[in-house]
Amino acid sequence: KAQRYGIGTRPRTSRAKLVLQAVNRLSVTRSRMDGTVTDVATFAVVLAALVLGGKVGGMLHAPLVGEIVVGLLLGPEGAGFLLYPEAIVLVGNFGLCLLVMEGGLSIDASTLRGVGRTACVVAVAGAPPPPPSSLGWPRR
C-alpha cells in the first residue's frame, strides 16, 4: 500500500552517482575548512603582531601606541592584511565589554556609597563644558 502511494520510497540511484555526490560534499566541506583555517591563522598572526607591537611600545613606555601602529600597518589602509576588519572590530567590542564588566566587578559597594554623592556632583558638573568648547564656543 505504501509503495502504491509513493510513501516511504525513494528513487533508485546508482552507486557511481552516490559516490560522486559524497565526494562533491566532501570537497565543499574541505574548501570551507580551508577558508576557516586560513581565517584563524590570519587572526593568530594579527594577535601575535599586536602582542609584539605592545611589547615594543612598552619599551618606549607606550604599549597602546605600539598596538595602534600595528593596526595601521596591517589594516585596510596599510598592508591590507586583514580580509575582514569588521571581525576584528567585533572581537574588540567584545573585549571592551569584558573590560567594563571587570571594572564593575572590582568596585567595592561600601566605598561607592561613601563617595557616590561627590562623584555624581563631579560627573554632572564636568560633563556639560567639553562639547561646547569643542565647537569653538565661547569665541575669543
Protein backbone atom coordinates (compact mmCIF):
# COMPACT_ATOMS: atom_id res chain seq x y z
CA LYS A 1 0.00 0.00 0.00
CA ALA A 2 2.83 2.46 0.86
CA GLN A 3 4.58 1.75 -2.43
CA ARG A 4 1.42 2.36 -4.36
CA TYR A 5 1.12 5.91 -3.00
CA GLY A 6 4.88 6.61 -3.07
CA ILE A 7 5.17 6.91 0.69
CA GLY A 8 8.48 5.83 2.23
CA THR A 9 10.08 5.04 -1.10
CA ARG A 10 12.93 6.81 -2.76
CA PRO A 11 14.11 6.63 -6.31
CA ARG A 12 16.95 4.28 -7.09
CA THR A 13 20.34 5.92 -7.53
CA SER A 14 23.37 4.21 -8.97
CA ARG A 15 26.40 3.62 -6.76
CA ALA A 16 28.59 5.75 -9.00
CA LYS A 17 26.23 8.68 -8.65
CA LEU A 18 26.15 8.26 -4.84
CA VAL A 19 29.96 8.17 -4.70
CA LEU A 20 30.20 11.32 -6.84
CA GLN A 21 27.69 13.10 -4.59
CA ALA A 22 29.68 12.11 -1.48
CA VAL A 23 32.96 13.31 -2.99
CA ASN A 24 31.31 16.55 -4.04
CA ARG A 25 30.01 17.15 -0.50
CA LEU A 26 33.43 16.32 0.92
CA SER A 27 35.22 18.77 -1.37
CA VAL A 28 32.79 21.56 -0.48
CA THR A 29 33.32 20.84 3.22
CA ARG A 30 37.09 20.76 2.75
CA SER A 31 37.12 24.12 0.94
CA ARG A 32 35.06 25.65 3.75
CA MET A 33 37.51 24.20 6.28
CA ASP A 34 40.50 25.58 4.35
CA GLY A 35 38.94 29.04 4.49
CA THR A 36 38.27 28.70 8.20
CA VAL A 37 41.81 27.53 8.91
CA THR A 38 43.18 30.45 6.89
CA ASP A 39 40.99 32.92 8.79
CA VAL A 40 42.03 31.51 12.17
CA ALA A 41 45.71 31.57 11.15
CA THR A 42 45.37 35.19 9.99
CA PHE A 43 43.73 36.12 13.28
CA ALA A 44 46.55 34.39 15.21
CA VAL A 45 49.18 36.30 13.22
CA VAL A 46 47.38 39.59 13.89
CA LEU A 47 47.17 38.84 17.63
CA ALA A 48 50.86 37.91 17.73
CA ALA A 49 51.73 41.15 15.91
CA LEU A 50 49.62 43.11 18.40
CA VAL A 51 51.40 41.50 21.33
CA LEU A 52 54.77 42.22 19.75
CA GLY A 53 53.74 45.81 18.98
CA GLY A 54 52.60 46.21 22.58
CA LYS A 55 55.95 44.91 23.86
CA VAL A 56 57.92 47.23 21.58
CA GLY A 57 55.68 50.12 22.57
CA GLY A 58 56.13 49.11 26.21
CA MET A 59 59.88 49.62 25.85
CA LEU A 60 59.04 53.22 24.96
CA HIS A 61 56.52 53.36 27.85
CA ALA A 62 53.59 53.48 25.40
CA PRO A 63 52.27 49.95 24.71
CA LEU A 64 48.95 51.23 23.37
CA VAL A 65 50.78 53.32 20.77
CA GLY A 66 52.62 50.19 19.60
CA GLU A 67 49.33 48.35 19.15
CA ILE A 68 47.83 51.29 17.25
CA VAL A 69 50.84 51.33 14.91
CA VAL A 70 50.38 47.59 14.26
CA GLY A 71 46.72 48.25 13.45
CA LEU A 72 47.71 50.97 11.00
CA LEU A 73 50.32 48.77 9.34
CA LEU A 74 48.16 45.64 8.99
CA GLY A 75 44.77 47.28 8.46
CA PRO A 76 42.96 48.16 5.23
CA GLU A 77 44.77 51.50 4.91
CA GLY A 78 48.17 49.84 5.40
CA ALA A 79 49.16 46.44 4.05
CA GLY A 80 45.56 45.27 3.74
CA PHE A 81 46.46 42.07 5.60
CA LEU A 82 43.04 41.74 7.20
CA LEU A 83 40.36 40.35 4.94
CA TYR A 84 37.54 41.07 7.40
CA PRO A 85 38.39 44.12 9.53
CA GLU A 86 34.78 44.11 10.78
CA ALA A 87 35.51 40.83 12.57
CA ILE A 88 38.42 42.42 14.44
CA VAL A 89 36.17 45.32 15.44
CA LEU A 90 33.57 42.81 16.70
CA VAL A 91 36.18 40.99 18.79
CA GLY A 92 37.44 44.36 20.08
CA ASN A 93 33.93 45.37 21.14
CA PHE A 94 33.56 42.06 22.96
CA GLY A 95 36.88 42.68 24.72
CA LEU A 96 35.74 46.17 25.69
CA CYS A 97 32.56 44.73 27.20
CA LEU A 98 34.66 42.29 29.24
CA LEU A 99 36.93 45.12 30.39
CA VAL A 100 33.97 47.23 31.57
CA MET A 101 32.50 44.20 33.32
CA GLU A 102 35.81 43.57 35.06
CA GLY A 103 35.77 47.18 36.27
CA GLY A 104 32.28 46.69 37.66
CA LEU A 105 33.35 43.51 39.44
CA SER A 106 36.21 45.31 41.18
CA ILE A 107 34.05 48.12 42.63
CA ASP A 108 33.51 47.92 46.37
CA ALA A 109 29.91 48.85 47.20
CA SER A 110 30.74 50.34 50.63
CA THR A 111 33.38 52.65 49.12
CA LEU A 112 30.94 53.62 46.37
CA ARG A 113 28.33 54.60 48.98
CA GLY A 114 30.91 56.83 50.69
CA VAL A 115 31.99 58.75 47.59
CA GLY A 116 28.86 58.29 45.48
CA ARG A 117 27.31 61.71 46.10
CA THR A 118 30.58 63.58 45.44
CA ALA A 119 31.24 61.50 42.34
CA CYS A 120 27.78 62.28 40.95
CA VAL A 121 28.23 66.03 41.51
CA VAL A 122 31.63 65.99 39.79
CA ALA A 123 30.26 63.96 36.86
CA VAL A 124 27.23 66.18 36.36
CA ALA A 125 29.28 69.38 36.67
CA GLY A 126 32.12 68.11 34.47
CA ALA A 127 30.14 66.66 31.58
CA PRO A 128 28.47 69.76 30.02
CA PRO A 129 31.53 72.06 29.41
CA PRO A 130 33.56 69.93 26.90
CA PRO A 131 31.03 69.72 24.00
CA PRO A 132 30.54 73.48 23.52
CA SER A 133 34.25 74.12 23.86
CA SER A 134 34.99 71.55 21.14
CA LEU A 135 32.71 73.54 18.82
CA GLY A 136 34.71 76.72 19.47
CA TRP A 137 32.35 78.29 21.99
CA PRO A 138 32.93 80.72 23.69
CA ARG A 139 34.79 82.52 20.92
CA ARG A 140 37.58 84.88 21.83
